[in-house]
Amino acid sequence: MEPSNSESSEWEKGSKVFNDPVHGNMEFHPILVKIIDTPEFQRLRSIKQLGGAYFVYPGASHNRFEHSLGVAHLAGQFTRSLKEKQPELGIDKRDIICVEIAGLCHDLGHGPFSHLFDGMFMPKVKNNNGWKHEQMSIDMFEHIVARLKLTAMFDLESELKMLSRRSEGDKDNDLAFIKEMINGPKNEGEYEGRPSKPFLYEIVANKRTGIDVDKFDYFARDCHHLGIKNSFDHNRYIKFARVIEELSNIYEMFHTRSSLHRKAYQHKTNKCIELMIRDALLKADKKFEISTPVVNMQKNTEENMKNTSSSQTASLKKYFIPRILIGI
């Protein structure tokens, strides 16, 4: 969907608008659209946001795809709000797009059934070796960057640098910045991407307080699909992010989180179903090696996209063989 010029004075050719049931119209810069259109990102359409909870709550049919779009949207909204209210922070368009990309790509590494895969399945087959979907998200992001450069002649790093006019001594590392926002810096407190703007690291995945736009989206989205009341207003929080009086609204956020865990995420039937799914994956792993590290991401992703409409037996095999890249 592309609006006319009269609808947006800042509309850029190649931008797209997605109509979302939670956030309404979400507009994305052409750079983000390039990432969204890759097979690696499109696979998120097949990964249920709440894993086995769909078998308990029929409305919980939403996927990681729309959640990732929602996080990117809120990340941009939050960063633009800070730029408008605190111009002294020096936030520019390049910073905003980088934060949006981090929000868009933060869940790229999820496997089948989302957290069931990395929380219940992988620890069993990898003997609790610390495998995390965040690190796989970074690996997938690096693969997307390489794919776009090779197949679409699109150099993400160069495109980002063109968004702002900075001094010749510009040492900001955009790709490192995006990866650090997803999984934190290599050494705690030592930022390579935006060392002069550490506050930007608390927007997508806040390692300090846990209050971030990832939660803002999944609280709103999960409550919407589960039919559970969401008492936290993320729009108000973003609007008054600098006001200490917002402590009461923050309380509502943690109250919503508690309600979701109590009523849905930790529902006894949901956990029983997830244990059965885990056992099925463990049995399948012996033959299909689901847990084996991905060797050729591009080949496995393309095979999955190409064979989704094959026969039932072949489909089952294709769902399991491409390992971490597949969403069931």
Protein backbone atom coordinates (compact mmCIF):
# COMPACT_ATOMS: atom_id res chain seq x y z
CA MET A 1 0.00 0.00 0.00
CA GLU A 2 1.47 3.37 -1.02
CA PRO A 3 -0.28 6.63 -0.08
CA SER A 4 -0.42 9.63 -2.39
CA ASN A 5 1.94 12.56 -1.92
CA SER A 6 -0.87 14.52 -0.29
CA GLU A 7 -1.05 11.98 2.54
CA SER A 8 2.54 12.47 3.70
CA SER A 9 4.95 15.32 3.05
CA GLU A 10 7.86 13.04 4.03
CA TRP A 11 6.82 10.07 1.91
CA GLU A 12 9.77 8.37 0.24
CA LYS A 13 9.61 6.26 -2.89
CA GLY A 14 9.67 2.60 -1.95
CA SER A 15 8.10 3.10 1.48
CA LYS A 16 5.22 0.82 2.48
CA VAL A 17 2.27 1.09 4.84
CA PHE A 18 0.93 -1.96 6.71
CA ASN A 19 -2.52 -1.83 8.29
CA ASP A 20 -2.18 -3.45 11.71
CA PRO A 21 -5.11 -4.35 14.03
CA VAL A 22 -3.12 -3.16 17.05
CA HIS A 23 -1.26 -0.04 15.90
CA GLY A 24 -3.23 1.00 12.81
CA ASN A 25 -1.25 2.23 9.80
CA MET A 26 2.47 1.52 10.17
CA GLU A 27 4.77 3.21 7.62
CA PHE A 28 8.21 1.77 6.89
CA HIS A 29 11.21 3.34 5.18
CA PRO A 30 12.42 1.69 1.91
CA ILE A 31 15.46 0.29 3.73
CA LEU A 32 13.20 -1.65 6.11
CA VAL A 33 11.04 -2.79 3.18
CA LYS A 34 14.14 -4.35 1.59
CA ILE A 35 14.65 -6.44 4.74
CA ILE A 36 10.95 -7.32 5.08
CA ASP A 37 10.88 -8.68 1.51
CA THR A 38 13.67 -11.24 2.11
CA PRO A 39 12.77 -14.94 2.56
CA GLU A 40 14.56 -14.91 5.91
CA PHE A 41 12.14 -12.34 7.27
CA GLN A 42 9.07 -13.76 5.51
CA ARG A 43 9.58 -17.09 7.31
CA LEU A 44 8.38 -15.36 10.48
CA ARG A 45 4.86 -15.58 9.04
CA SER A 46 4.96 -19.31 9.88
CA ILE A 47 6.10 -19.01 13.51
CA LYS A 48 3.35 -18.72 16.10
CA GLN A 49 4.00 -15.89 18.55
CA LEU A 50 2.73 -17.87 21.56
CA GLY A 51 3.76 -21.40 20.56
CA GLY A 52 1.42 -23.99 22.05
CA ALA A 53 -0.97 -21.38 23.47
CA TYR A 54 -2.80 -21.42 20.12
CA PHE A 55 -4.17 -24.86 21.08
CA VAL A 56 -5.69 -23.35 24.23
CA TYR A 57 -6.71 -19.90 22.93
CA PRO A 58 -8.03 -20.15 19.33
CA GLY A 59 -7.57 -16.42 18.88
CA ALA A 60 -3.83 -16.63 19.53
CA SER A 61 -3.06 -17.26 15.86
CA HIS A 62 -0.73 -14.28 15.43
CA ASN A 63 2.85 -14.79 14.29
CA ARG A 64 6.34 -13.38 14.81
CA PHE A 65 6.00 -11.51 11.49
CA GLU A 66 3.41 -8.99 12.66
CA HIS A 67 5.03 -8.69 16.10
CA SER A 68 8.35 -7.75 14.47
CA LEU A 69 6.63 -5.12 12.35
CA GLY A 70 4.94 -3.76 15.47
CA VAL A 71 8.20 -3.52 17.42
CA ALA A 72 9.88 -1.68 14.51
CA HIS A 73 6.94 0.73 14.37
CA LEU A 74 7.02 1.48 18.11
CA ALA A 75 10.82 1.76 18.08
CA GLY A 76 10.59 4.47 15.43
CA GLN A 77 7.72 6.18 17.24
CA PHE A 78 9.63 6.23 20.54
CA THR A 79 12.88 7.50 18.99
CA ARG A 80 11.11 10.26 17.05
CA SER A 81 9.33 11.34 20.24
CA LEU A 82 12.68 11.69 22.03
CA LYS A 83 14.11 13.62 19.09
CA GLU A 84 11.19 16.04 19.11
CA LYS A 85 11.11 16.64 22.87
CA GLN A 86 14.89 16.62 23.47
CA PRO A 87 16.70 17.99 20.39
CA GLU A 88 19.84 18.36 22.51
CA LEU A 89 20.26 14.56 22.38
CA GLY A 90 21.38 14.86 18.75
CA ILE A 91 19.15 12.06 17.42
CA ASP A 92 19.08 12.05 13.60
CA LYS A 93 17.31 10.10 10.86
CA ARG A 94 20.15 7.58 10.66
CA ASP A 95 19.78 6.75 14.37
CA ILE A 96 16.01 6.34 13.97
CA ILE A 97 16.28 3.94 11.01
CA CYS A 98 18.92 1.87 12.84
CA VAL A 99 16.67 1.56 15.90
CA GLU A 100 13.76 0.56 13.65
CA ILE A 101 15.89 -2.11 11.93
CA ALA A 102 16.88 -3.54 15.33
CA GLY A 103 13.19 -3.73 16.28
CA LEU A 104 12.36 -5.36 12.96
CA CYS A 105 15.11 -7.99 13.22
CA HIS A 106 15.19 -8.72 16.96
CA ASP A 107 13.24 -12.01 16.58
CA LEU A 108 14.70 -13.30 13.29
CA GLY A 109 16.34 -16.20 15.11
CA HIS A 110 13.23 -17.78 16.59
CA GLY A 111 12.65 -21.44 15.73
CA PRO A 112 9.41 -23.46 15.55
CA PHE A 113 6.88 -22.54 18.26
CA SER A 114 8.93 -19.52 19.35
CA HIS A 115 10.17 -19.77 22.96
CA LEU A 116 9.27 -23.44 23.18
CA PHE A 117 12.13 -24.12 20.76
CA ASP A 118 14.91 -22.25 22.58
CA GLY A 119 13.52 -22.68 26.09
CA MET A 120 12.43 -26.33 26.10
CA PHE A 121 13.79 -28.10 23.01
CA MET A 122 17.32 -26.75 22.46
CA PRO A 123 18.44 -27.15 26.12
CA LYS A 124 17.52 -30.85 25.87
CA VAL A 125 19.49 -31.54 22.70
CA LYS A 126 22.36 -29.14 23.37
CA ASN A 127 22.79 -29.88 27.10
CA ASN A 128 22.02 -26.30 28.15
CA ASN A 129 24.93 -24.82 26.23
CA GLY A 130 23.43 -21.31 26.29
CA TRP A 131 21.94 -21.28 22.78
CA LYS A 132 19.85 -18.10 22.44
CA HIS A 133 17.51 -16.91 19.73
CA GLU A 134 19.03 -13.41 20.07
CA GLN A 135 22.41 -14.64 18.81
CA MET A 136 20.70 -16.52 15.99
CA SER A 137 18.85 -13.28 15.15
CA ILE A 138 22.22 -11.58 14.71
CA ASP A 139 23.47 -14.45 12.52
CA MET A 140 20.33 -14.18 10.39
CA PHE A 141 20.66 -10.41 10.17
CA GLU A 142 24.25 -10.73 8.96
CA HIS A 143 23.07 -13.22 6.36
CA ILE A 144 20.36 -10.83 5.15
CA VAL A 145 22.92 -8.02 4.84
CA ALA A 146 25.16 -10.31 2.75
CA ARG A 147 22.22 -11.54 0.64
CA LEU A 148 21.05 -8.01 -0.19
CA LYS A 149 24.57 -6.95 -1.13
CA LEU A 150 25.07 -9.98 -3.37
CA THR A 151 21.67 -10.43 -5.02
CA ALA A 152 20.14 -6.94 -4.94
CA MET A 153 23.30 -4.82 -5.11
CA PHE A 154 22.06 -3.15 -1.92
CA ASP A 155 24.77 -2.24 0.59
CA LEU A 156 22.93 -1.63 3.87
CA GLU A 157 25.91 0.00 5.57
CA SER A 158 26.38 2.50 2.73
CA GLU A 159 22.65 3.24 2.54
CA LEU A 160 22.53 4.04 6.26
CA LYS A 161 25.53 6.37 6.07
CA MET A 162 23.78 8.32 3.30
CA LEU A 163 20.92 9.18 5.67
CA SER A 164 22.91 11.78 7.60
CA ARG A 165 25.62 14.31 6.93
CA ARG A 166 28.22 13.91 9.65
CA SER A 167 31.83 14.96 9.95
CA GLU A 168 34.52 13.20 7.95
CA GLY A 169 35.70 11.58 11.18
CA ASP A 170 32.37 9.75 11.59
CA LYS A 171 33.20 6.49 13.38
CA ASP A 172 29.66 5.34 14.15
CA ASN A 173 29.30 1.67 13.20
CA ASP A 174 25.67 1.22 12.18
CA LEU A 175 25.69 -2.56 11.76
CA ALA A 176 27.38 -3.06 15.12
CA PHE A 177 24.85 -0.65 16.65
CA ILE A 178 21.92 -2.69 15.30
CA LYS A 179 23.40 -5.96 16.56
CA GLU A 180 24.19 -4.50 19.97
CA MET A 181 20.58 -3.34 20.33
CA ILE A 182 19.41 -6.91 19.68
CA ASN A 183 21.80 -8.85 21.92
CA GLY A 184 23.82 -6.29 23.86
CA PRO A 185 27.51 -5.37 23.43
CA LYS A 186 30.28 -7.99 23.38
CA ASN A 187 31.61 -6.55 26.64
CA GLU A 188 29.07 -5.14 29.07
CA GLY A 189 28.91 -1.36 28.93
CA GLU A 190 31.34 -1.10 26.01
CA TYR A 191 29.30 0.07 23.02
CA GLU A 192 30.83 0.11 19.54
CA GLY A 193 27.89 1.39 17.53
CA ARG A 194 26.72 4.52 19.39
CA PRO A 195 28.95 5.00 22.45
CA SER A 196 27.84 8.66 22.67
CA LYS A 197 24.12 7.75 22.78
CA PRO A 198 23.74 4.85 25.24
CA PHE A 199 20.07 5.75 25.87
CA LEU A 200 19.19 4.40 22.41
CA TYR A 201 20.08 0.89 23.58
CA GLU A 202 17.14 0.93 26.02
CA ILE A 203 14.43 1.23 23.36
CA VAL A 204 14.23 -2.19 21.63
CA ALA A 205 15.66 -4.60 24.23
CA ASN A 206 16.28 -2.84 27.53
CA LYS A 207 18.84 -4.94 29.42
CA ARG A 208 18.78 -2.53 32.37
CA THR A 209 15.11 -2.25 33.36
CA GLY A 210 13.28 -4.58 30.97
CA ILE A 211 10.96 -1.74 29.90
CA ASP A 212 11.11 -1.63 26.10
CA VAL A 213 9.01 -1.53 22.93
CA ASP A 214 9.32 -5.30 22.47
CA LYS A 215 7.15 -5.72 25.57
CA PHE A 216 4.92 -2.80 24.57
CA ASP A 217 3.99 -4.60 21.36
CA TYR A 218 3.55 -8.12 22.66
CA PHE A 219 1.51 -6.94 25.65
CA ALA A 220 -0.89 -5.10 23.33
CA ARG A 221 -0.86 -7.77 20.61
CA ASP A 222 -1.14 -10.81 22.88
CA CYS A 223 -3.93 -9.22 24.93
CA HIS A 224 -5.77 -8.33 21.71
CA HIS A 225 -5.65 -11.91 20.39
CA LEU A 226 -6.13 -13.64 23.75
CA GLY A 227 -9.10 -11.50 24.76
CA ILE A 228 -7.33 -10.37 27.96
CA LYS A 229 -7.57 -6.75 29.11
CA ASN A 230 -4.39 -4.70 28.71
CA SER A 231 -4.26 -2.02 31.40
CA PHE A 232 -0.93 -0.57 30.22
CA ASP A 233 -1.00 2.36 27.78
CA HIS A 234 2.26 2.28 25.82
CA ASN A 235 1.31 5.38 23.83
CA ARG A 236 1.08 7.40 27.04
CA TYR A 237 4.42 6.03 28.21
CA ILE A 238 6.10 7.03 24.94
CA LYS A 239 4.52 10.48 25.04
CA PHE A 240 5.65 11.17 28.61
CA ALA A 241 8.87 9.15 28.62
CA ARG A 242 10.72 11.92 30.48
CA VAL A 243 8.11 12.41 33.22
CA ILE A 244 8.71 10.65 36.54
CA GLU A 245 4.98 10.72 37.35
CA GLU A 246 4.60 7.89 34.84
CA LEU A 247 5.50 5.42 37.61
CA SER A 248 1.78 4.60 38.00
CA ASN A 249 1.53 3.66 34.32
CA ILE A 250 4.68 1.53 34.63
CA TYR A 251 2.94 -0.35 37.45
CA GLU A 252 0.10 -1.14 35.02
CA MET A 253 2.66 -2.53 32.55
CA PHE A 254 3.98 -5.05 35.07
CA HIS A 255 0.41 -5.86 36.14
CA THR A 256 -0.42 -6.69 32.51
CA ARG A 257 2.72 -8.84 32.27
CA SER A 258 1.70 -10.74 35.41
CA SER A 259 -1.84 -11.30 34.07
CA LEU A 260 -0.57 -12.62 30.72
CA HIS A 261 1.78 -15.10 32.43
CA ARG A 262 -0.89 -16.24 34.86
CA LYS A 263 -3.75 -16.55 32.37
CA ALA A 264 -2.00 -17.56 29.13
CA TYR A 265 1.77 -18.02 28.96
CA GLN A 266 1.92 -20.38 31.97
CA HIS A 267 -1.58 -21.88 31.51
CA LYS A 268 -1.43 -25.53 32.64
CA THR A 269 -2.94 -26.89 29.41
CA ASN A 270 -0.61 -24.74 27.33
CA LYS A 271 2.44 -26.10 29.20
CA CYS A 272 1.22 -29.70 28.77
CA ILE A 273 0.81 -29.16 25.02
CA GLU A 274 4.24 -27.53 24.76
CA LEU A 275 5.82 -30.51 26.56
CA MET A 276 4.19 -32.86 24.02
CA ILE A 277 5.42 -30.71 21.14
CA ARG A 278 8.90 -30.70 22.65
CA ASP A 279 8.88 -34.51 22.92
CA ALA A 280 7.79 -34.75 19.26
CA LEU A 281 10.62 -32.45 18.21
CA LEU A 282 13.11 -34.51 20.25
CA LYS A 283 12.02 -37.70 18.50
CA ALA A 284 12.14 -36.01 15.08
CA ASP A 285 15.59 -34.60 15.84
CA LYS A 286 17.11 -38.08 15.89
CA LYS A 287 16.29 -38.50 12.20
CA PHE A 288 16.05 -34.99 10.80
CA GLU A 289 18.66 -33.22 13.00
CA ILE A 290 16.50 -30.17 13.64
CA SER A 291 18.99 -28.85 16.19
CA THR A 292 21.99 -29.07 13.87
CA PRO A 293 23.51 -25.62 13.21
CA VAL A 294 22.51 -24.18 9.84
CA VAL A 295 25.23 -24.52 7.22
CA ASN A 296 23.54 -22.87 4.24
CA MET A 297 20.90 -20.37 5.34
CA GLN A 298 19.99 -19.20 1.86
CA LYS A 299 19.48 -22.70 0.43
CA ASN A 300 17.45 -23.92 3.40
CA THR A 301 15.25 -20.81 3.48
CA GLU A 302 14.52 -20.93 -0.25
CA GLU A 303 13.76 -24.67 -0.11
CA ASN A 304 11.26 -24.03 2.69
CA MET A 305 9.52 -21.20 0.80
CA LYS A 306 9.37 -23.29 -2.40
CA ASN A 307 7.99 -26.46 -0.86
CA THR A 308 5.28 -25.14 1.47
CA SER A 309 2.53 -26.35 -0.90
CA SER A 310 3.86 -29.88 -1.54
CA SER A 311 2.23 -33.13 -0.40
CA GLN A 312 1.54 -33.74 3.28
CA THR A 313 4.47 -36.12 3.75
CA ALA A 314 6.90 -33.93 1.88
CA SER A 315 5.66 -30.86 3.75
CA LEU A 316 6.27 -32.53 7.11
CA LYS A 317 9.79 -33.43 6.05
CA LYS A 318 10.50 -29.91 4.77
CA TYR A 319 9.21 -28.44 7.98
CA PHE A 320 11.77 -30.38 9.96
CA ILE A 321 14.83 -30.68 7.69
CA PRO A 322 15.76 -26.98 7.26
CA ARG A 323 16.45 -26.88 11.00
CA ILE A 324 16.35 -23.50 12.69
CA LEU A 325 15.06 -21.60 9.66
CA ILE A 326 11.68 -23.26 9.65
CA GLY A 327 8.59 -22.18 11.58
CA ILE A 328 5.87 -24.75 12.25
